[in-house]
């Protein structure tokens, strides 16, 4: 049975500054890679957190039909936001526990919409720790940032 995986990463030169995001996607049949796809993009003036969110959004929005996918990120902000904090934010009208507006609200709402069409398992890994797929996503993010530097 084929399973889908995505490794996502964001990068920023300055925070804010030019930034990029990258995604390595794989369809796997056991240990065999059935299909692989790489995505990247960037913006001239952004933040690292925004690029981390864009990577996850792009991974989900590229899927053409409802799917089961495991998304691995090195961003605790994305992992905790989507699996813990977002429920309270939505309940509180997109405000934090401190009643402040959620930062990057439009991206969080876009991620929430994109994930609603899929069954997503979210995983966190330490960044820059030699994990091959995460390193590849990082390279893609840096390539996505390059035109804006």
N, C-alpha and C. Protein backbone atom coordinates (compact mmCIF):
# COMPACT_ATOMS: atom_id res chain seq x y z
N UNK A 1 0.84 -1.18 0.00
CA UNK A 1 0.00 0.00 0.00
C UNK A 1 0.89 1.25 0.00
N UNK A 2 0.58 2.18 -0.87
CA UNK A 2 1.37 3.40 -0.99
C UNK A 2 1.00 4.38 0.13
N UNK A 3 2.03 4.96 0.75
CA UNK A 3 1.84 5.96 1.80
C UNK A 3 2.52 7.25 1.38
N UNK A 4 1.94 8.37 1.78
CA UNK A 4 2.49 9.68 1.44
C UNK A 4 3.22 10.29 2.63
N UNK A 5 4.34 10.92 2.31
CA UNK A 5 5.16 11.60 3.31
C UNK A 5 5.60 12.95 2.75
N UNK A 6 5.74 13.93 3.63
CA UNK A 6 6.29 15.22 3.24
C UNK A 6 7.20 15.72 4.35
N UNK A 7 8.33 16.26 3.95
CA UNK A 7 9.26 16.91 4.87
C UNK A 7 9.27 18.37 4.47
N UNK A 8 9.03 19.25 5.43
CA UNK A 8 8.88 20.67 5.14
C UNK A 8 9.91 21.49 5.90
N UNK A 9 10.30 22.63 5.32
CA UNK A 9 11.21 23.53 6.01
C UNK A 9 11.05 24.94 5.48
N UNK A 10 11.39 25.89 6.34
CA UNK A 10 11.39 27.30 5.96
C UNK A 10 12.75 27.89 6.29
N UNK A 11 13.10 28.96 5.59
CA UNK A 11 14.38 29.64 5.83
C UNK A 11 14.16 31.13 5.66
N UNK A 12 14.96 31.91 6.37
CA UNK A 12 14.86 33.35 6.28
C UNK A 12 16.24 33.95 6.51
N UNK A 13 16.59 34.96 5.72
CA UNK A 13 17.84 35.68 5.89
C UNK A 13 17.51 37.01 6.53
N UNK A 14 17.68 37.08 7.84
CA UNK A 14 17.10 38.18 8.60
C UNK A 14 15.71 37.74 8.97
N UNK A 15 15.16 38.31 10.00
CA UNK A 15 13.83 37.87 10.43
C UNK A 15 13.08 39.07 10.98
N UNK A 16 12.45 39.91 10.12
CA UNK A 16 12.09 39.61 8.73
C UNK A 16 13.23 39.89 7.74
N UNK A 17 12.99 39.34 6.55
CA UNK A 17 13.92 39.49 5.45
C UNK A 17 13.49 38.57 4.33
N UNK A 18 14.36 38.37 3.34
CA UNK A 18 14.04 37.42 2.27
C UNK A 18 13.92 36.02 2.85
N UNK A 19 12.94 35.27 2.37
CA UNK A 19 12.73 33.92 2.91
C UNK A 19 12.30 32.94 1.84
N UNK A 20 12.39 31.67 2.20
CA UNK A 20 11.98 30.61 1.28
C UNK A 20 11.42 29.42 2.04
N UNK A 21 10.71 28.59 1.32
CA UNK A 21 10.17 27.36 1.88
C UNK A 21 10.45 26.22 0.92
N UNK A 22 10.55 25.02 1.47
CA UNK A 22 10.81 23.85 0.65
C UNK A 22 10.07 22.63 1.17
N UNK A 23 9.71 21.75 0.24
CA UNK A 23 8.99 20.53 0.58
C UNK A 23 9.55 19.38 -0.25
N UNK A 24 9.87 18.29 0.42
CA UNK A 24 10.19 17.04 -0.25
C UNK A 24 9.01 16.11 0.00
N UNK A 25 8.38 15.66 -1.09
CA UNK A 25 7.23 14.76 -0.97
C UNK A 25 7.59 13.41 -1.57
N UNK A 26 7.13 12.37 -0.89
CA UNK A 26 7.36 11.01 -1.40
C UNK A 26 6.12 10.15 -1.23
N UNK A 27 5.86 9.37 -2.26
CA UNK A 27 4.90 8.27 -2.17
C UNK A 27 5.75 7.02 -2.01
N UNK A 28 5.49 6.27 -0.95
CA UNK A 28 6.32 5.09 -0.62
C UNK A 28 5.46 3.83 -0.61
N UNK A 29 6.03 2.77 -1.14
CA UNK A 29 5.45 1.43 -1.03
C UNK A 29 6.44 0.62 -0.20
N UNK A 30 6.19 0.57 1.09
CA UNK A 30 7.17 -0.02 1.99
C UNK A 30 8.40 0.86 2.02
N UNK A 31 9.54 0.28 1.68
CA UNK A 31 10.80 1.02 1.64
C UNK A 31 11.09 1.62 0.26
N UNK A 32 10.24 1.29 -0.72
CA UNK A 32 10.48 1.72 -2.10
C UNK A 32 9.80 3.05 -2.39
N UNK A 33 10.57 3.97 -2.96
CA UNK A 33 10.03 5.27 -3.37
C UNK A 33 9.31 5.07 -4.70
N UNK A 34 8.00 5.32 -4.70
CA UNK A 34 7.19 5.17 -5.90
C UNK A 34 7.24 6.46 -6.73
N UNK A 35 7.17 7.60 -6.03
CA UNK A 35 7.20 8.90 -6.70
C UNK A 35 7.78 9.91 -5.73
N UNK A 36 8.52 10.87 -6.29
CA UNK A 36 9.09 11.92 -5.46
C UNK A 36 8.85 13.26 -6.15
N UNK A 37 8.56 14.26 -5.34
CA UNK A 37 8.31 15.60 -5.88
C UNK A 37 8.91 16.63 -4.93
N UNK A 38 9.48 17.68 -5.50
CA UNK A 38 10.06 18.75 -4.71
C UNK A 38 9.33 20.05 -5.03
N UNK A 39 9.04 20.82 -3.98
CA UNK A 39 8.37 22.11 -4.12
C UNK A 39 9.20 23.17 -3.42
N UNK A 40 9.17 24.38 -3.94
CA UNK A 40 9.88 25.48 -3.28
C UNK A 40 9.28 26.79 -3.70
N UNK A 41 9.50 27.80 -2.87
CA UNK A 41 9.03 29.14 -3.17
C UNK A 41 9.63 30.11 -2.18
N UNK A 42 9.31 31.37 -2.33
CA UNK A 42 9.86 32.34 -1.41
C UNK A 42 9.19 33.69 -1.54
N UNK A 43 9.64 34.61 -0.68
CA UNK A 43 9.11 35.97 -0.66
C UNK A 43 10.24 36.92 -0.33
N UNK A 44 10.08 38.17 -0.74
CA UNK A 44 11.12 39.17 -0.54
C UNK A 44 11.21 39.64 0.91
N UNK A 45 10.08 39.74 1.59
CA UNK A 45 10.05 40.26 2.96
C UNK A 45 9.10 39.40 3.78
N UNK A 46 9.67 38.55 4.63
CA UNK A 46 8.86 37.58 5.37
C UNK A 46 9.58 37.19 6.66
N UNK A 47 9.05 36.18 7.34
CA UNK A 47 9.69 35.67 8.55
C UNK A 47 9.87 34.16 8.42
N UNK A 48 10.73 33.63 9.27
CA UNK A 48 10.96 32.20 9.28
C UNK A 48 9.66 31.43 9.57
N UNK A 49 8.89 31.90 10.54
CA UNK A 49 7.65 31.21 10.88
C UNK A 49 6.67 31.20 9.71
N UNK A 50 6.58 32.28 8.98
CA UNK A 50 5.70 32.33 7.82
C UNK A 50 6.14 31.33 6.75
N UNK A 51 7.44 31.20 6.56
CA UNK A 51 7.95 30.26 5.56
C UNK A 51 7.74 28.82 6.01
N UNK A 52 7.87 28.55 7.29
CA UNK A 52 7.57 27.20 7.82
C UNK A 52 6.10 26.86 7.56
N UNK A 53 5.21 27.81 7.79
CA UNK A 53 3.79 27.60 7.53
C UNK A 53 3.53 27.39 6.04
N UNK A 54 4.16 28.19 5.19
CA UNK A 54 3.96 28.06 3.75
C UNK A 54 4.40 26.69 3.23
N UNK A 55 5.46 26.15 3.81
CA UNK A 55 5.90 24.82 3.39
C UNK A 55 4.83 23.78 3.69
N UNK A 56 4.27 23.81 4.89
CA UNK A 56 3.23 22.85 5.26
C UNK A 56 1.97 23.05 4.41
N UNK A 57 1.59 24.30 4.21
CA UNK A 57 0.41 24.61 3.38
C UNK A 57 0.62 24.08 1.97
N UNK A 58 1.78 24.34 1.40
CA UNK A 58 2.07 23.93 0.02
C UNK A 58 2.04 22.41 -0.12
N UNK A 59 2.55 21.71 0.87
CA UNK A 59 2.52 20.24 0.83
C UNK A 59 1.08 19.75 0.73
N UNK A 60 0.20 20.31 1.54
CA UNK A 60 -1.21 19.87 1.54
C UNK A 60 -1.97 20.36 0.32
N UNK A 61 -1.73 21.59 -0.10
CA UNK A 61 -2.48 22.14 -1.23
C UNK A 61 -2.10 21.50 -2.56
N UNK A 62 -0.94 20.87 -2.62
CA UNK A 62 -0.54 20.23 -3.88
C UNK A 62 -1.25 18.88 -4.09
N UNK A 63 -1.83 18.33 -3.03
CA UNK A 63 -2.55 17.05 -3.14
C UNK A 63 -3.86 17.28 -3.87
N UNK A 64 -4.12 16.47 -4.89
CA UNK A 64 -5.30 16.69 -5.73
C UNK A 64 -6.55 15.95 -5.23
N UNK A 65 -6.39 15.06 -4.27
CA UNK A 65 -7.56 14.35 -3.71
C UNK A 65 -7.31 14.10 -2.23
N UNK A 66 -8.37 13.87 -1.45
CA UNK A 66 -8.20 13.60 -0.03
C UNK A 66 -7.20 12.46 0.17
N UNK A 67 -6.26 12.67 1.07
CA UNK A 67 -5.17 11.71 1.25
C UNK A 67 -4.82 11.56 2.72
N UNK A 68 -4.11 10.48 3.00
CA UNK A 68 -3.46 10.29 4.30
C UNK A 68 -2.00 10.62 4.08
N UNK A 69 -1.46 11.50 4.93
CA UNK A 69 -0.09 11.94 4.74
C UNK A 69 0.56 12.18 6.10
N UNK A 70 1.84 11.88 6.16
CA UNK A 70 2.64 12.20 7.34
C UNK A 70 3.52 13.39 6.96
N UNK A 71 3.38 14.48 7.71
CA UNK A 71 4.19 15.67 7.48
C UNK A 71 5.20 15.80 8.61
N UNK A 72 6.46 15.87 8.24
CA UNK A 72 7.53 16.02 9.22
C UNK A 72 8.13 17.41 9.07
N UNK A 73 8.19 18.12 10.19
CA UNK A 73 8.70 19.49 10.21
C UNK A 73 9.72 19.62 11.33
N UNK A 74 10.64 20.56 11.17
CA UNK A 74 11.56 20.86 12.27
C UNK A 74 11.10 22.11 13.02
N UNK A 75 9.88 22.56 12.72
CA UNK A 75 9.31 23.74 13.35
C UNK A 75 8.35 23.36 14.47
N UNK A 76 8.76 23.60 15.72
CA UNK A 76 7.86 23.38 16.84
C UNK A 76 6.66 24.32 16.74
N UNK A 77 6.86 25.50 16.16
CA UNK A 77 5.79 26.48 15.96
C UNK A 77 4.67 25.87 15.11
N UNK A 78 5.02 25.25 14.00
CA UNK A 78 4.01 24.62 13.13
C UNK A 78 3.41 23.40 13.81
N UNK A 79 4.25 22.52 14.30
CA UNK A 79 3.76 21.26 14.92
C UNK A 79 2.84 21.55 16.10
N UNK A 80 3.28 22.39 17.03
CA UNK A 80 2.44 22.69 18.19
C UNK A 80 1.22 23.51 17.82
N UNK A 81 1.40 24.45 16.89
CA UNK A 81 0.28 25.28 16.47
C UNK A 81 -0.85 24.48 15.87
N UNK A 82 -0.51 23.57 14.96
CA UNK A 82 -1.55 22.82 14.25
C UNK A 82 -2.12 21.67 15.07
N UNK A 83 -1.35 21.14 16.01
CA UNK A 83 -1.86 19.99 16.76
C UNK A 83 -2.36 20.35 18.16
N UNK A 84 -2.03 21.55 18.65
CA UNK A 84 -2.47 21.92 20.00
C UNK A 84 -3.16 23.28 20.03
N UNK A 85 -2.43 24.33 19.69
CA UNK A 85 -2.91 25.69 19.91
C UNK A 85 -4.11 26.08 19.05
N UNK A 86 -4.20 25.54 17.84
CA UNK A 86 -5.22 26.00 16.88
C UNK A 86 -6.64 25.79 17.40
N UNK A 87 -6.84 24.75 18.18
CA UNK A 87 -8.19 24.46 18.69
C UNK A 87 -8.67 25.60 19.59
N UNK A 88 -7.81 26.06 20.50
CA UNK A 88 -8.14 27.19 21.37
C UNK A 88 -8.29 28.49 20.60
N UNK A 89 -7.40 28.70 19.62
CA UNK A 89 -7.48 29.91 18.81
C UNK A 89 -8.84 30.02 18.13
N UNK A 90 -9.27 28.92 17.52
CA UNK A 90 -10.54 28.93 16.82
C UNK A 90 -11.69 29.17 17.79
N UNK A 91 -11.64 28.50 18.94
CA UNK A 91 -12.68 28.66 19.96
C UNK A 91 -12.74 30.12 20.46
N UNK A 92 -11.57 30.77 20.51
CA UNK A 92 -11.48 32.15 21.00
C UNK A 92 -11.54 33.19 19.89
N UNK A 93 -12.07 32.81 18.73
CA UNK A 93 -12.18 33.76 17.62
C UNK A 93 -10.83 34.18 17.07
N UNK A 94 -9.92 33.22 16.96
CA UNK A 94 -8.57 33.43 16.45
C UNK A 94 -7.79 34.42 17.32
N UNK A 95 -7.95 34.24 18.62
CA UNK A 95 -7.17 34.99 19.60
C UNK A 95 -6.42 34.01 20.49
N UNK A 96 -5.27 34.45 20.97
CA UNK A 96 -4.46 33.61 21.86
C UNK A 96 -5.11 33.54 23.23
N UNK A 97 -4.53 32.72 24.10
CA UNK A 97 -5.03 32.62 25.47
C UNK A 97 -4.94 33.98 26.16
N UNK A 98 -3.99 34.80 25.75
CA UNK A 98 -3.85 36.16 26.29
C UNK A 98 -4.74 37.18 25.61
N UNK A 99 -5.67 36.71 24.77
CA UNK A 99 -6.64 37.55 24.05
C UNK A 99 -6.04 38.45 22.98
N UNK A 100 -4.82 38.13 22.54
CA UNK A 100 -4.19 38.90 21.46
C UNK A 100 -4.49 38.19 20.14
N UNK A 101 -4.56 38.94 19.04
CA UNK A 101 -4.78 38.29 17.74
C UNK A 101 -3.64 37.31 17.43
N UNK A 102 -3.99 36.18 16.85
CA UNK A 102 -3.00 35.18 16.46
C UNK A 102 -2.12 35.76 15.36
N UNK A 103 -0.80 35.65 15.53
CA UNK A 103 0.12 36.10 14.48
C UNK A 103 0.00 35.15 13.29
N UNK A 104 0.15 35.70 12.09
CA UNK A 104 0.08 34.92 10.85
C UNK A 104 -1.28 34.24 10.67
N UNK A 105 -2.32 34.91 11.14
CA UNK A 105 -3.67 34.33 11.14
C UNK A 105 -4.10 33.81 9.77
N UNK A 106 -3.81 34.58 8.71
CA UNK A 106 -4.27 34.16 7.39
C UNK A 106 -3.59 32.86 6.94
N UNK A 107 -2.35 32.65 7.36
CA UNK A 107 -1.67 31.40 7.03
C UNK A 107 -2.18 30.25 7.89
N UNK A 108 -2.43 30.50 9.16
CA UNK A 108 -3.01 29.46 10.02
C UNK A 108 -4.38 29.04 9.51
N UNK A 109 -5.19 30.00 9.07
CA UNK A 109 -6.51 29.67 8.53
C UNK A 109 -6.38 28.88 7.23
N UNK A 110 -5.41 29.25 6.41
CA UNK A 110 -5.19 28.53 5.16
C UNK A 110 -4.71 27.11 5.44
N UNK A 111 -3.82 26.95 6.43
CA UNK A 111 -3.35 25.62 6.80
C UNK A 111 -4.51 24.79 7.36
N UNK A 112 -5.34 25.39 8.18
CA UNK A 112 -6.49 24.69 8.76
C UNK A 112 -7.43 24.20 7.66
N UNK A 113 -7.67 25.05 6.67
CA UNK A 113 -8.53 24.67 5.54
C UNK A 113 -7.89 23.54 4.73
N UNK A 114 -6.60 23.66 4.45
CA UNK A 114 -5.91 22.65 3.65
C UNK A 114 -5.89 21.30 4.36
N UNK A 115 -5.66 21.29 5.65
CA UNK A 115 -5.58 20.02 6.38
C UNK A 115 -6.95 19.38 6.57
N UNK A 116 -8.02 20.17 6.50
CA UNK A 116 -9.37 19.63 6.72
C UNK A 116 -9.75 18.61 5.65
N UNK A 117 -9.10 18.65 4.50
CA UNK A 117 -9.42 17.73 3.40
C UNK A 117 -8.64 16.42 3.48
N UNK A 118 -7.74 16.32 4.45
CA UNK A 118 -6.84 15.17 4.52
C UNK A 118 -6.77 14.61 5.93
N UNK A 119 -6.21 13.41 6.03
CA UNK A 119 -5.88 12.83 7.33
C UNK A 119 -4.38 13.02 7.48
N UNK A 120 -3.99 13.90 8.40
CA UNK A 120 -2.59 14.30 8.53
C UNK A 120 -2.03 13.86 9.86
N UNK A 121 -0.87 13.22 9.80
CA UNK A 121 -0.10 12.92 11.00
C UNK A 121 1.07 13.91 11.00
N UNK A 122 1.22 14.65 12.09
CA UNK A 122 2.28 15.66 12.21
C UNK A 122 3.41 15.12 13.06
N UNK A 123 4.63 15.24 12.56
CA UNK A 123 5.82 14.79 13.29
C UNK A 123 6.81 15.94 13.36
N UNK A 124 7.53 15.98 14.46
CA UNK A 124 8.59 16.98 14.64
C UNK A 124 9.93 16.26 14.73
N UNK A 125 10.95 16.84 14.07
CA UNK A 125 12.32 16.35 14.21
C UNK A 125 13.23 17.55 14.44
N UNK A 126 14.35 17.30 15.05
CA UNK A 126 15.34 18.36 15.27
C UNK A 126 15.94 18.74 13.92
N UNK A 127 15.98 20.04 13.66
CA UNK A 127 16.56 20.52 12.41
C UNK A 127 18.07 20.49 12.43
N UNK A 128 18.66 20.41 11.26
CA UNK A 128 20.11 20.44 11.09
C UNK A 128 20.81 19.38 11.93
N UNK A 129 20.17 18.21 11.98
CA UNK A 129 20.71 17.11 12.78
C UNK A 129 21.08 15.91 11.90
N UNK A 130 21.24 16.16 10.59
CA UNK A 130 21.68 15.10 9.70
C UNK A 130 20.57 14.22 9.15
N UNK A 131 19.32 14.60 9.34
CA UNK A 131 18.19 13.84 8.79
C UNK A 131 18.10 14.17 7.30
N UNK A 132 18.36 13.20 6.44
CA UNK A 132 18.53 13.43 5.00
C UNK A 132 17.36 14.17 4.36
N UNK A 133 16.14 13.76 4.67
CA UNK A 133 14.98 14.40 4.04
C UNK A 133 14.79 15.83 4.54
N UNK A 134 15.04 16.06 5.81
CA UNK A 134 14.96 17.41 6.35
C UNK A 134 16.04 18.30 5.75
N UNK A 135 17.22 17.75 5.57
CA UNK A 135 18.31 18.53 4.95
C UNK A 135 17.94 18.89 3.51
N UNK A 136 17.27 17.97 2.81
CA UNK A 136 16.84 18.26 1.44
C UNK A 136 15.78 19.37 1.43
N UNK A 137 14.84 19.31 2.36
CA UNK A 137 13.82 20.35 2.44
C UNK A 137 14.47 21.70 2.76
N UNK A 138 15.50 21.69 3.59
CA UNK A 138 16.23 22.92 3.91
C UNK A 138 16.91 23.49 2.67
N UNK A 139 17.53 22.63 1.86
CA UNK A 139 18.17 23.08 0.62
C UNK A 139 17.13 23.69 -0.33
N UNK A 140 15.96 23.07 -0.41
CA UNK A 140 14.89 23.59 -1.26
C UNK A 140 14.42 24.96 -0.75
N UNK A 141 14.31 25.10 0.57
CA UNK A 141 13.90 26.38 1.15
C UNK A 141 14.92 27.47 0.83
N UNK A 142 16.18 27.13 0.92
CA UNK A 142 17.23 28.11 0.61
C UNK A 142 17.22 28.47 -0.88
N UNK A 143 16.92 27.48 -1.73
CA UNK A 143 16.82 27.74 -3.16
C UNK A 143 15.61 28.63 -3.43
N UNK A 144 14.52 28.42 -2.69
CA UNK A 144 13.32 29.26 -2.84
C UNK A 144 13.56 30.69 -2.43
N UNK A 145 14.48 30.87 -1.48
CA UNK A 145 14.82 32.22 -0.98
C UNK A 145 15.78 32.94 -1.92
N UNK A 146 16.60 32.20 -2.64
CA UNK A 146 17.71 32.77 -3.44
C UNK A 146 17.31 33.93 -4.35
N UNK A 147 16.19 33.86 -5.07
CA UNK A 147 15.86 34.98 -5.97
C UNK A 147 15.57 36.30 -5.25
N UNK A 148 15.33 36.23 -3.95
CA UNK A 148 14.92 37.42 -3.20
C UNK A 148 16.06 38.03 -2.37
N UNK A 149 17.22 37.41 -2.41
CA UNK A 149 18.35 37.90 -1.59
C UNK A 149 19.07 39.05 -2.29
